[in-house]
PDB file of N, CA and C in Angstrom:
ATOM      1  N   MET A   1       0.990  -0.916   0.111  1.00  0.00           N
ATOM      2  CA  MET A   1      -0.088  -0.169   0.141  1.00  0.00           C
ATOM      3  C   MET A   1       0.792   1.015   0.174  1.00  0.00           C
ATOM      4  N   ASN A   2       0.618   2.270  -0.745  1.00  0.00           N
ATOM      5  CA  ASN A   2       1.304   3.509  -1.192  1.00  0.00           C
ATOM      6  C   ASN A   2       0.642   4.631  -0.620  1.00  0.00           C
ATOM      7  N   VAL A   3       1.040   5.540   0.180  1.00  0.00           N
ATOM      8  CA  VAL A   3       0.228   6.787   0.068  1.00  0.00           C
ATOM      9  C   VAL A   3       0.632   7.732  -0.730  1.00  0.00           C
ATOM     10  N   THR A   4      -0.285   7.769  -2.047  1.00  0.00           N
ATOM     11  CA  THR A   4      -0.297   8.688  -3.072  1.00  0.00           C
ATOM     12  C   THR A   4      -0.450  10.183  -2.868  1.00  0.00           C
ATOM     13  N   GLU A   5      -1.179  10.582  -1.937  1.00  0.00           N
ATOM     14  CA  GLU A   5      -1.260  12.006  -1.823  1.00  0.00           C
ATOM     15  C   GLU A   5      -2.188  12.160  -0.349  1.00  0.00           C
ATOM     16  N   VAL A   6      -1.332  13.251   0.120  1.00  0.00           N
ATOM     17  CA  VAL A   6      -1.944  13.684   1.781  1.00  0.00           C
ATOM     18  C   VAL A   6      -2.407  14.990   1.459  1.00  0.00           C
ATOM     19  N   ARG A   7      -3.368  15.750   1.701  1.00  0.00           N
ATOM     20  CA  ARG A   7      -4.060  17.114   1.657  1.00  0.00           C
ATOM     21  C   ARG A   7      -4.451  17.317   3.291  1.00  0.00           C
ATOM     22  N   VAL A   8      -3.974  18.401   3.417  1.00  0.00           N
ATOM     23  CA  VAL A   8      -4.208  19.261   4.992  1.00  0.00           C
ATOM     24  C   VAL A   8      -4.849  20.294   4.941  1.00  0.00           C
ATOM     25  N   ARG A   9      -5.791  20.461   5.345  1.00  0.00           N
ATOM     26  CA  ARG A   9      -6.457  21.849   5.696  1.00  0.00           C
ATOM     27  C   ARG A   9      -6.074  22.191   7.431  1.00  0.00           C
ATOM     28  N   LEU A  10      -5.696  23.471   7.373  1.00  0.00           N
ATOM     29  CA  LEU A  10      -4.990  23.958   8.788  1.00  0.00           C
ATOM     30  C   LEU A  10      -6.471  24.406   9.388  1.00  0.00           C
ATOM     31  N   ILE A  11      -6.223  24.094  10.999  1.00  0.00           N
ATOM     32  CA  ILE A  11      -7.401  25.104  11.697  1.00  0.00           C
ATOM     33  C   ILE A  11      -6.731  25.982  12.526  1.00  0.00           C
ATOM     34  N   LYS A  12      -7.388  27.133  12.474  1.00  0.00           N
ATOM     35  CA  LYS A  12      -6.919  28.389  12.865  1.00  0.00           C
ATOM     36  C   LYS A  12      -7.169  28.786  14.264  1.00  0.00           C
ATOM     37  N   LYS A  13      -8.425  28.168  14.786  1.00  0.00           N
ATOM     38  CA  LYS A  13      -8.869  28.272  15.971  1.00  0.00           C
ATOM     39  C   LYS A  13      -7.909  28.076  17.043  1.00  0.00           C
ATOM     40  N   GLU A  14      -7.826  29.305  18.254  1.00  0.00           N
ATOM     41  CA  GLU A  14      -6.918  29.077  19.243  1.00  0.00           C
ATOM     42  C   GLU A  14      -7.650  28.500  20.552  1.00  0.00           C
ATOM     43  N   ASP A  15      -8.486  28.334  20.237  1.00  0.00           N
ATOM     44  CA  ASP A  15      -9.179  27.408  21.457  1.00  0.00           C
ATOM     45  C   ASP A  15      -9.367  26.380  21.623  1.00  0.00           C
ATOM     46  N   THR A  16      -8.759  25.440  20.747  1.00  0.00           N
ATOM     47  CA  THR A  16      -8.908  23.770  20.602  1.00  0.00           C
ATOM     48  C   THR A  16      -7.493  23.332  20.174  1.00  0.00           C
ATOM     49  N   LYS A  17      -7.372  22.012  20.332  1.00  0.00           N
ATOM     50  CA  LYS A  17      -5.939  20.989  20.197  1.00  0.00           C
ATOM     51  C   LYS A  17      -5.983  20.745  18.777  1.00  0.00           C
ATOM     52  N   LEU A  18      -7.247  20.473  18.070  1.00  0.00           N
ATOM     53  CA  LEU A  18      -7.296  20.388  16.683  1.00  0.00           C
ATOM     54  C   LEU A  18      -6.449  21.550  15.998  1.00  0.00           C
ATOM     55  N   ARG A  19      -5.364  20.917  15.311  1.00  0.00           N
ATOM     56  CA  ARG A  19      -4.764  21.615  14.129  1.00  0.00           C
ATOM     57  C   ARG A  19      -4.711  21.676  12.843  1.00  0.00           C
ATOM     58  N   ALA A  20      -5.120  20.617  12.276  1.00  0.00           N
ATOM     59  CA  ALA A  20      -5.681  20.456  10.897  1.00  0.00           C
ATOM     60  C   ALA A  20      -6.638  19.253  10.765  1.00  0.00           C
ATOM     61  N   ILE A  21      -7.093  19.245   9.506  1.00  0.00           N
ATOM     62  CA  ILE A  21      -8.006  17.961   9.088  1.00  0.00           C
ATOM     63  C   ILE A  21      -6.873  17.590   7.851  1.00  0.00           C
ATOM     64  N   ALA A  22      -7.062  16.340   7.629  1.00  0.00           N
ATOM     65  CA  ALA A  22      -6.142  15.818   6.470  1.00  0.00           C
ATOM     66  C   ALA A  22      -7.083  14.887   5.615  1.00  0.00           C
ATOM     67  N   SER A  23      -6.809  14.497   4.572  1.00  0.00           N
ATOM     68  CA  SER A  23      -7.395  13.464   3.517  1.00  0.00           C
ATOM     69  C   SER A  23      -6.144  12.675   3.079  1.00  0.00           C
ATOM     70  N   ILE A  24      -6.543  11.613   2.934  1.00  0.00           N
ATOM     71  CA  ILE A  24      -4.932  10.775   2.905  1.00  0.00           C
ATOM     72  C   ILE A  24      -5.887   9.561   1.231  1.00  0.00           C
ATOM     73  N   THR A  25      -5.025   9.575   0.295  1.00  0.00           N
ATOM     74  CA  THR A  25      -4.896   8.767  -0.742  1.00  0.00           C
ATOM     75  C   THR A  25      -4.441   7.972  -0.875  1.00  0.00           C
ATOM     76  N   LEU A  26      -5.235   6.367  -0.642  1.00  0.00           N
ATOM     77  CA  LEU A  26      -4.038   5.112  -1.205  1.00  0.00           C
ATOM     78  C   LEU A  26      -3.871   4.572  -2.282  1.00  0.00           C
ATOM     79  N   ASP A  27      -3.082   4.182  -2.721  1.00  0.00           N
ATOM     80  CA  ASP A  27      -3.074   3.724  -3.994  1.00  0.00           C
ATOM     81  C   ASP A  27      -3.439   4.303  -5.295  1.00  0.00           C
ATOM     82  N   GLY A  28      -3.735   5.623  -4.937  1.00  0.00           N
ATOM     83  CA  GLY A  28      -4.282   6.553  -5.989  1.00  0.00           C
ATOM     84  C   GLY A  28      -5.967   6.125  -6.374  1.00  0.00           C
ATOM     85  N   CYS A  29      -6.392   5.468  -5.456  1.00  0.00           N
ATOM     86  CA  CYS A  29      -7.765   4.794  -5.537  1.00  0.00           C
ATOM     87  C   CYS A  29      -8.850   4.790  -4.757  1.00  0.00           C
ATOM     88  N   PHE A  30      -8.258   5.395  -3.479  1.00  0.00           N
ATOM     89  CA  PHE A  30      -8.847   5.015  -2.192  1.00  0.00           C
ATOM     90  C   PHE A  30      -8.949   5.985  -0.956  1.00  0.00           C
ATOM     91  N   VAL A  31      -9.700   6.936  -0.552  1.00  0.00           N
ATOM     92  CA  VAL A  31      -9.549   8.478   0.352  1.00  0.00           C
ATOM     93  C   VAL A  31     -10.161   8.016   1.469  1.00  0.00           C
ATOM     94  N   VAL A  32      -9.447   8.351   2.363  1.00  0.00           N
ATOM     95  CA  VAL A  32      -9.621   8.610   3.983  1.00  0.00           C
ATOM     96  C   VAL A  32      -9.775  10.292   4.226  1.00  0.00           C
ATOM     97  N   HIS A  33     -11.085  10.380   4.511  1.00  0.00           N
ATOM     98  CA  HIS A  33     -11.217  12.154   4.845  1.00  0.00           C
ATOM     99  C   HIS A  33     -11.269  12.037   6.446  1.00  0.00           C
ATOM    100  N   ASP A  34     -11.158  13.447   6.799  1.00  0.00           N
ATOM    101  CA  ASP A  34     -11.437  13.687   8.272  1.00  0.00           C
ATOM    102  C   ASP A  34     -10.541  13.107   9.091  1.00  0.00           C
ATOM    103  N   VAL A  35      -8.940  12.861   8.890  1.00  0.00           N
ATOM    104  CA  VAL A  35      -8.254  12.495   9.704  1.00  0.00           C
ATOM    105  C   VAL A  35      -7.683  13.544  10.407  1.00  0.00           C
ATOM    106  N   LYS A  36      -7.503  13.696  11.585  1.00  0.00           N
ATOM    107  CA  LYS A  36      -7.417  14.924  12.505  1.00  0.00           C
ATOM    108  C   LYS A  36      -6.091  14.921  13.183  1.00  0.00           C
ATOM    109  N   VAL A  37      -5.475  16.079  12.779  1.00  0.00           N
ATOM    110  CA  VAL A  37      -3.888  16.231  13.291  1.00  0.00           C
ATOM    111  C   VAL A  37      -4.344  17.185  14.801  1.00  0.00           C
ATOM    112  N   ILE A  38      -4.070  16.537  16.053  1.00  0.00           N
ATOM    113  CA  ILE A  38      -4.184  17.076  17.530  1.00  0.00           C
ATOM    114  C   ILE A  38      -3.167  17.414  17.885  1.00  0.00           C
ATOM    115  N   GLU A  39      -2.997  18.550  18.763  1.00  0.00           N
ATOM    116  CA  GLU A  39      -1.827  18.627  19.413  1.00  0.00           C
ATOM    117  C   GLU A  39      -1.875  18.388  21.129  1.00  0.00           C
ATOM    118  N   GLY A  40      -0.989  17.278  21.190  1.00  0.00           N
ATOM    119  CA  GLY A  40      -1.105  16.741  22.261  1.00  0.00           C
ATOM    120  C   GLY A  40       0.260  17.292  23.069  1.00  0.00           C
ATOM    121  N   SER A  41       0.118  16.745  24.633  1.00  0.00           N
ATOM    122  CA  SER A  41       1.422  17.229  25.268  1.00  0.00           C
ATOM    123  C   SER A  41       2.883  16.695  25.079  1.00  0.00           C
ATOM    124  N   ASP A  42       2.870  15.674  24.067  1.00  0.00           N
ATOM    125  CA  ASP A  42       4.226  15.341  23.687  1.00  0.00           C
ATOM    126  C   ASP A  42       4.464  15.523  21.877  1.00  0.00           C
ATOM    127  N   GLY A  43       3.718  16.660  21.520  1.00  0.00           N
ATOM    128  CA  GLY A  43       3.485  17.251  20.249  1.00  0.00           C
ATOM    129  C   GLY A  43       2.219  16.597  19.464  1.00  0.00           C
ATOM    130  N   CYS A  44       2.277  16.838  18.138  1.00  0.00           N
ATOM    131  CA  CYS A  44       1.127  16.266  17.642  1.00  0.00           C
ATOM    132  C   CYS A  44       0.932  15.215  17.154  1.00  0.00           C
ATOM    133  N   PHE A  45      -0.299  14.490  17.134  1.00  0.00           N
ATOM    134  CA  PHE A  45      -0.200  13.048  16.550  1.00  0.00           C
ATOM    135  C   PHE A  45      -1.847  13.096  15.486  1.00  0.00           C
ATOM    136  N   ILE A  46      -1.799  11.981  15.078  1.00  0.00           N
ATOM    137  CA  ILE A  46      -3.349  11.799  14.052  1.00  0.00           C
ATOM    138  C   ILE A  46      -4.227  10.922  15.049  1.00  0.00           C
ATOM    139  N   ALA A  47      -5.466  11.216  14.386  1.00  0.00           N
ATOM    140  CA  ALA A  47      -6.828  10.476  15.202  1.00  0.00           C
ATOM    141  C   ALA A  47      -7.524  10.089  13.919  1.00  0.00           C
ATOM    142  N   MET A  48      -7.849   9.100  13.836  1.00  0.00           N
ATOM    143  CA  MET A  48      -8.574   8.446  12.295  1.00  0.00           C
ATOM    144  C   MET A  48     -10.050   9.143  12.575  1.00  0.00           C
ATOM    145  N   PRO A  49     -10.886   8.906  11.289  1.00  0.00           N
ATOM    146  CA  PRO A  49     -11.963   9.517  11.622  1.00  0.00           C
ATOM    147  C   PRO A  49     -12.995   8.523  12.547  1.00  0.00           C
ATOM    148  N   SER A  50     -13.892   9.463  13.047  1.00  0.00           N
ATOM    149  CA  SER A  50     -14.514   8.363  13.872  1.00  0.00           C
ATOM    150  C   SER A  50     -16.163   8.931  14.213  1.00  0.00           C
ATOM    151  N   LYS A  51     -17.021   8.377  14.653  1.00  0.00           N
ATOM    152  CA  LYS A  51     -18.309   8.861  15.003  1.00  0.00           C
ATOM    153  C   LYS A  51     -18.626   8.361  16.436  1.00  0.00           C
ATOM    154  N   LYS A  52     -19.930   9.002  16.764  1.00  0.00           N
ATOM    155  CA  LYS A  52     -20.284   9.171  18.184  1.00  0.00           C
ATOM    156  C   LYS A  52     -21.398   7.855  18.252  1.00  0.00           C
ATOM    157  N   THR A  53     -21.180   6.845  19.175  1.00  0.00           N
ATOM    158  CA  THR A  53     -22.264   5.575  19.239  1.00  0.00           C
ATOM    159  C   THR A  53     -23.326   6.341  20.037  1.00  0.00           C
ATOM    160  N   PRO A  54     -24.424   5.851  20.071  1.00  0.00           N
ATOM    161  CA  PRO A  54     -25.677   6.215  20.773  1.00  0.00           C
ATOM    162  C   PRO A  54     -25.181   6.363  22.462  1.00  0.00           C
ATOM    163  N   GLU A  55     -24.336   5.303  22.906  1.00  0.00           N
ATOM    164  CA  GLU A  55     -23.954   5.277  24.533  1.00  0.00           C
ATOM    165  C   GLU A  55     -22.975   6.574  24.682  1.00  0.00           C
ATOM    166  N   GLY A  56     -22.430   7.307  23.635  1.00  0.00           N
ATOM    167  CA  GLY A  56     -21.668   8.516  23.732  1.00  0.00           C
ATOM    168  C   GLY A  56     -20.217   8.210  23.803  1.00  0.00           C
ATOM    169  N   GLU A  57     -19.724   6.926  23.164  1.00  0.00           N
ATOM    170  CA  GLU A  57     -18.663   6.511  22.825  1.00  0.00           C
ATOM    171  C   GLU A  57     -18.167   7.229  21.297  1.00  0.00           C
ATOM    172  N   TYR A  58     -16.851   7.021  21.231  1.00  0.00           N
ATOM    173  CA  TYR A  58     -16.219   7.493  19.955  1.00  0.00           C
ATOM    174  C   TYR A  58     -15.694   6.267  19.342  1.00  0.00           C
ATOM    175  N   LYS A  59     -16.123   5.811  18.275  1.00  0.00           N
ATOM    176  CA  LYS A  59     -15.348   4.530  17.592  1.00  0.00           C
ATOM    177  C   LYS A  59     -15.027   5.072  16.176  1.00  0.00           C
ATOM    178  N   ASP A  60     -13.439   4.369  15.971  1.00  0.00           N
ATOM    179  CA  ASP A  60     -13.070   4.805  14.943  1.00  0.00           C
ATOM    180  C   ASP A  60     -14.111   4.048  13.713  1.00  0.00           C
ATOM    181  N   VAL A  61     -14.258   4.942  12.445  1.00  0.00           N
ATOM    182  CA  VAL A  61     -14.814   4.627  11.417  1.00  0.00           C
ATOM    183  C   VAL A  61     -14.202   3.512  10.663  1.00  0.00           C
ATOM    184  N   VAL A  62     -12.413   4.260  10.390  1.00  0.00           N
ATOM    185  CA  VAL A  62     -11.613   3.523   9.325  1.00  0.00           C
ATOM    186  C   VAL A  62     -10.406   3.497  10.247  1.00  0.00           C
ATOM    187  N   HIS A  63      -9.569   2.482  10.161  1.00  0.00           N
ATOM    188  CA  HIS A  63      -8.286   2.254  11.113  1.00  0.00           C
ATOM    189  C   HIS A  63      -7.279   1.390  10.593  1.00  0.00           C
ATOM    190  N   PRO A  64      -6.167   1.513  10.942  1.00  0.00           N
ATOM    191  CA  PRO A  64      -5.010   0.707  10.490  1.00  0.00           C
ATOM    192  C   PRO A  64      -5.028  -0.579  11.268  1.00  0.00           C
ATOM    193  N   LEU A  65      -4.787  -1.634  10.593  1.00  0.00           N
ATOM    194  CA  LEU A  65      -4.845  -2.968  11.437  1.00  0.00           C
ATOM    195  C   LEU A  65      -3.535  -3.273  12.382  1.00  0.00           C
ATOM    196  N   ASN A  66      -2.234  -2.363  11.753  1.00  0.00           N
ATOM    197  CA  ASN A  66      -1.123  -3.006  12.708  1.00  0.00           C
ATOM    198  C   ASN A  66      -0.278  -1.840  12.901  1.00  0.00           C
ATOM    199  N   THR A  67       0.629  -1.800  13.678  1.00  0.00           N
ATOM    200  CA  THR A  67       1.427  -0.671  13.929  1.00  0.00           C
ATOM    201  C   THR A  67       2.289  -0.039  12.986  1.00  0.00           C
ATOM    202  N   GLU A  68       2.850  -0.787  12.501  1.00  0.00           N
ATOM    203  CA  GLU A  68       3.466  -0.374  10.912  1.00  0.00           C
ATOM    204  C   GLU A  68       2.803   0.356   9.962  1.00  0.00           C
ATOM    205  N   THR A  69       1.639   0.045   9.917  1.00  0.00           N
ATOM    206  CA  THR A  69       0.809   0.951   8.724  1.00  0.00           C
ATOM    207  C   THR A  69       0.177   2.221   9.511  1.00  0.00           C
ATOM    208  N   ARG A  70      -0.093   2.422  10.698  1.00  0.00           N
ATOM    209  CA  ARG A  70      -0.388   3.202  11.973  1.00  0.00           C
ATOM    210  C   ARG A  70       0.854   4.281  11.725  1.00  0.00           C
ATOM    211  N   ASP A  71       2.073   3.959  11.852  1.00  0.00           N
ATOM    212  CA  ASP A  71       3.223   4.846  12.040  1.00  0.00           C
ATOM    213  C   ASP A  71       3.426   5.338  10.456  1.00  0.00           C
ATOM    214  N   MET A  72       3.323   4.578   9.574  1.00  0.00           N
ATOM    215  CA  MET A  72       3.417   5.117   8.160  1.00  0.00           C
ATOM    216  C   MET A  72       2.662   6.420   7.871  1.00  0.00           C
ATOM    217  N   LEU A  73       1.242   6.039   8.226  1.00  0.00           N
ATOM    218  CA  LEU A  73       0.154   7.037   7.924  1.00  0.00           C
ATOM    219  C   LEU A  73       0.136   8.278   8.830  1.00  0.00           C
ATOM    220  N   SER A  74       0.886   8.000   9.650  1.00  0.00           N
ATOM    221  CA  SER A  74       1.157   9.052  10.965  1.00  0.00           C
ATOM    222  C   SER A  74       2.033  10.138  10.355  1.00  0.00           C
ATOM    223  N   LYS A  75       3.311   9.328  10.081  1.00  0.00           N
ATOM    224  CA  LYS A  75       4.533  10.055   9.597  1.00  0.00           C
ATOM    225  C   LYS A  75       4.238  10.905   8.111  1.00  0.00           C
ATOM    226  N   ARG A  76       3.611  10.321   7.448  1.00  0.00           N
ATOM    227  CA  ARG A  76       3.067  10.913   6.151  1.00  0.00           C
ATOM    228  C   ARG A  76       2.374  12.473   6.417  1.00  0.00           C
ATOM    229  N   VAL A  77       1.274  12.175   7.157  1.00  0.00           N
ATOM    230  CA  VAL A  77       0.291  13.300   7.638  1.00  0.00           C
ATOM    231  C   VAL A  77       1.286  14.036   8.361  1.00  0.00           C
ATOM    232  N   LEU A  78       1.889  13.720   9.170  1.00  0.00           N
ATOM    233  CA  LEU A  78       2.482  15.195  10.007  1.00  0.00           C
ATOM    234  C   LEU A  78       3.679  15.786   9.510  1.00  0.00           C
ATOM    235  N   GLU A  79       4.020  15.165   8.527  1.00  0.00           N
ATOM    236  CA  GLU A  79       5.090  15.473   7.328  1.00  0.00           C
ATOM    237  C   GLU A  79       4.650  16.906   6.531  1.00  0.00           C
ATOM    238  N   GLU A  80       3.276  16.516   5.951  1.00  0.00           N
ATOM    239  CA  GLU A  80       2.279  17.328   5.150  1.00  0.00           C
ATOM    240  C   GLU A  80       2.093  18.399   6.059  1.00  0.00           C
ATOM    241  N   PHE A  81       1.891  18.081   7.270  1.00  0.00           N
ATOM    242  CA  PHE A  81       1.277  19.389   8.139  1.00  0.00           C
ATOM    243  C   PHE A  81       2.180  20.064   8.195  1.00  0.00           C
ATOM    244  N   ALA A  82       3.307  19.907   8.450  1.00  0.00           N
ATOM    245  CA  ALA A  82       4.418  20.754   8.982  1.00  0.00           C
ATOM    246  C   ALA A  82       4.795  21.591   7.912  1.00  0.00           C
ATOM    247  N   LYS A  83       4.657  21.098   6.614  1.00  0.00           N
ATOM    248  CA  LYS A  83       4.779  21.872   5.221  1.00  0.00           C
ATOM    249  C   LYS A  83       3.773  22.748   5.030  1.00  0.00           C
ATOM    250  N   ALA A  84       2.651  22.486   5.463  1.00  0.00           N
ATOM    251  CA  ALA A  84       1.529  23.117   5.483  1.00  0.00           C
ATOM    252  C   ALA A  84       1.559  24.337   6.339  1.00  0.00           C
ATOM    253  N   LYS A  85       1.913  24.169   7.327  1.00  0.00           N
ATOM    254  CA  LYS A  85       2.007  24.811   8.677  1.00  0.00           C
ATOM    255  C   LYS A  85       3.407  25.997   8.388  1.00  0.00           C
ATOM    256  N   ALA A  86       4.505  25.529   7.557  1.00  0.00           N
ATOM    257  CA  ALA A  86       5.714  26.377   7.345  1.00  0.00           C
ATOM    258  C   ALA A  86       5.062  27.309   5.998  1.00  0.00           C
ATOM    259  N   GLU A  87       4.357  26.771   5.199  1.00  0.00           N
ATOM    260  CA  GLU A  87       3.917  27.814   4.019  1.00  0.00           C
ATOM    261  C   GLU A  87       2.823  28.923   4.561  1.00  0.00           C
ATOM    262  N   ALA A  88       2.442  28.479   5.607  1.00  0.00           N
ATOM    263  CA  ALA A  88       1.299  29.449   6.149  1.00  0.00           C
ATOM    264  C   ALA A  88       1.981  30.732   6.972  1.00  0.00           C
ATOM    265  N   GLU A  89       2.772  30.282   7.437  1.00  0.00           N
ATOM    266  CA  GLU A  89       3.667  31.281   8.382  1.00  0.00           C
ATOM    267  C   GLU A  89       4.949  32.430   7.579  1.00  0.00           C
TER     268      GLU A  89
END
């Protein structure tokens, strides 16, 4: 699997830890929208798209099945986030 494109939309609100929303294209034929870039205590991390259950919990709608894939997606999204942030400044 190859990440063929990452699009990042920066969030400019100061009162939130949400820093960006990303879309990831896989192998030029499958897109995952609404991947969140969140500012944590140890730096930024990604959160996969989720929905709220009737019980009030949030469940991922799409997610990687292994650590290697999660790390690869995270690295690519955070690289593009850094580029977008640098261009905006």
